[in-house]
Amino acid sequence: MRDAVARAGGLSFIREGQTVLPKPAVNSALPYPPTAAPEVVLVVAKLVQDAGGKPFIADRTVFSKSTALTFHTLGYDEAAHQAGISCQALDHATVMSLSHPLATHWSDGAAPVYEPVATADHIINFCTPRTHRLGHFTMALKNFVGVVHSGARLGTHLPSGFREWLAEINLVVGPSLAVMDGREGFVDGGPDSGDLAKFDFLAVGADPVAIDAVGLAHLRIAGADDTIQQTSPWQLPVMKRAVELGLGAQSLADLSFVGATAEHEAAVRAQLAA
């Protein structure tokens, strides 16, 4: 992980004393890969400290569960203790309304985001490669659902507009860095359970669209569900809307790879050219 962060340009964007939120995927109390692995978040949190930043872990799990209990079950309390940082359950945190004119699938174009997230100087987004029964896939772009007030999340899980809504979250909350822990993931089902596959890759970069593209390529290589296999990665609704909004890479031509073997890169590119 240290090598991957370094190859992606490191953490030079952090200035001394800035607050940095390593935002894990903590949508349930099930350990990796349904959720981000705390040991991976811990490694990067320590890198943040080395860069002069002040990291804190925070998230809101699924709206019917206790985030504090989820953090404890997954080991995030212990990881935060080892780093000497706070681990904040956002269940009852203050909410700020963040607006964007292109957020057309949000009520009044505004997203209710928890204040500790909205006021952090930087966010590092931790995700895993998984299919999703409603969103088709859940990776970097979708991970920011956890920073949206739970009341707003409940009403959006409808087929119409849900996937576009997922992309639009990233208009008001974006990562300085995204980390995909692709050791394992789901190629069918999801987000919390499904057909497990071993991928054995890490992807780190500043562009969440590029990170999700790489994740989708690996899902396709591993034989993911029919939707992922039969649809161009760039035409899946979340990706298509993200491209329309200019949230990152527009196509395969915008992606560059550092650290992959020639064979691995060729396999990924072949899937993204489909």
Foldseek 3Di string as FASTA:
>chain_A
DVVQCVLQPHDLVDDAAAEEEAEKQQQDLDEPPLIFQLVVSLVVCVSCVVNRYAYEYEWEYQLVDFVVVSCVSRVVVVSCVVSVHYHDYQQPAAWDWDADPVLPLADVRTFTFGVVQLPGPFYEAEHEWEQEPQQRTDGRLQSCVGRTHNVRSVVLSDNPCNLLNSLSVCVRGAHQKYKYPYQKYAQDYDSNDHHIDGQPDIHMYRQPLLVVLLSLLSSCVVPHDPVSVVDQPCPRSNNVSNLVVVRGDNALVRDDDPPDDPVSVVSSSVSRVD
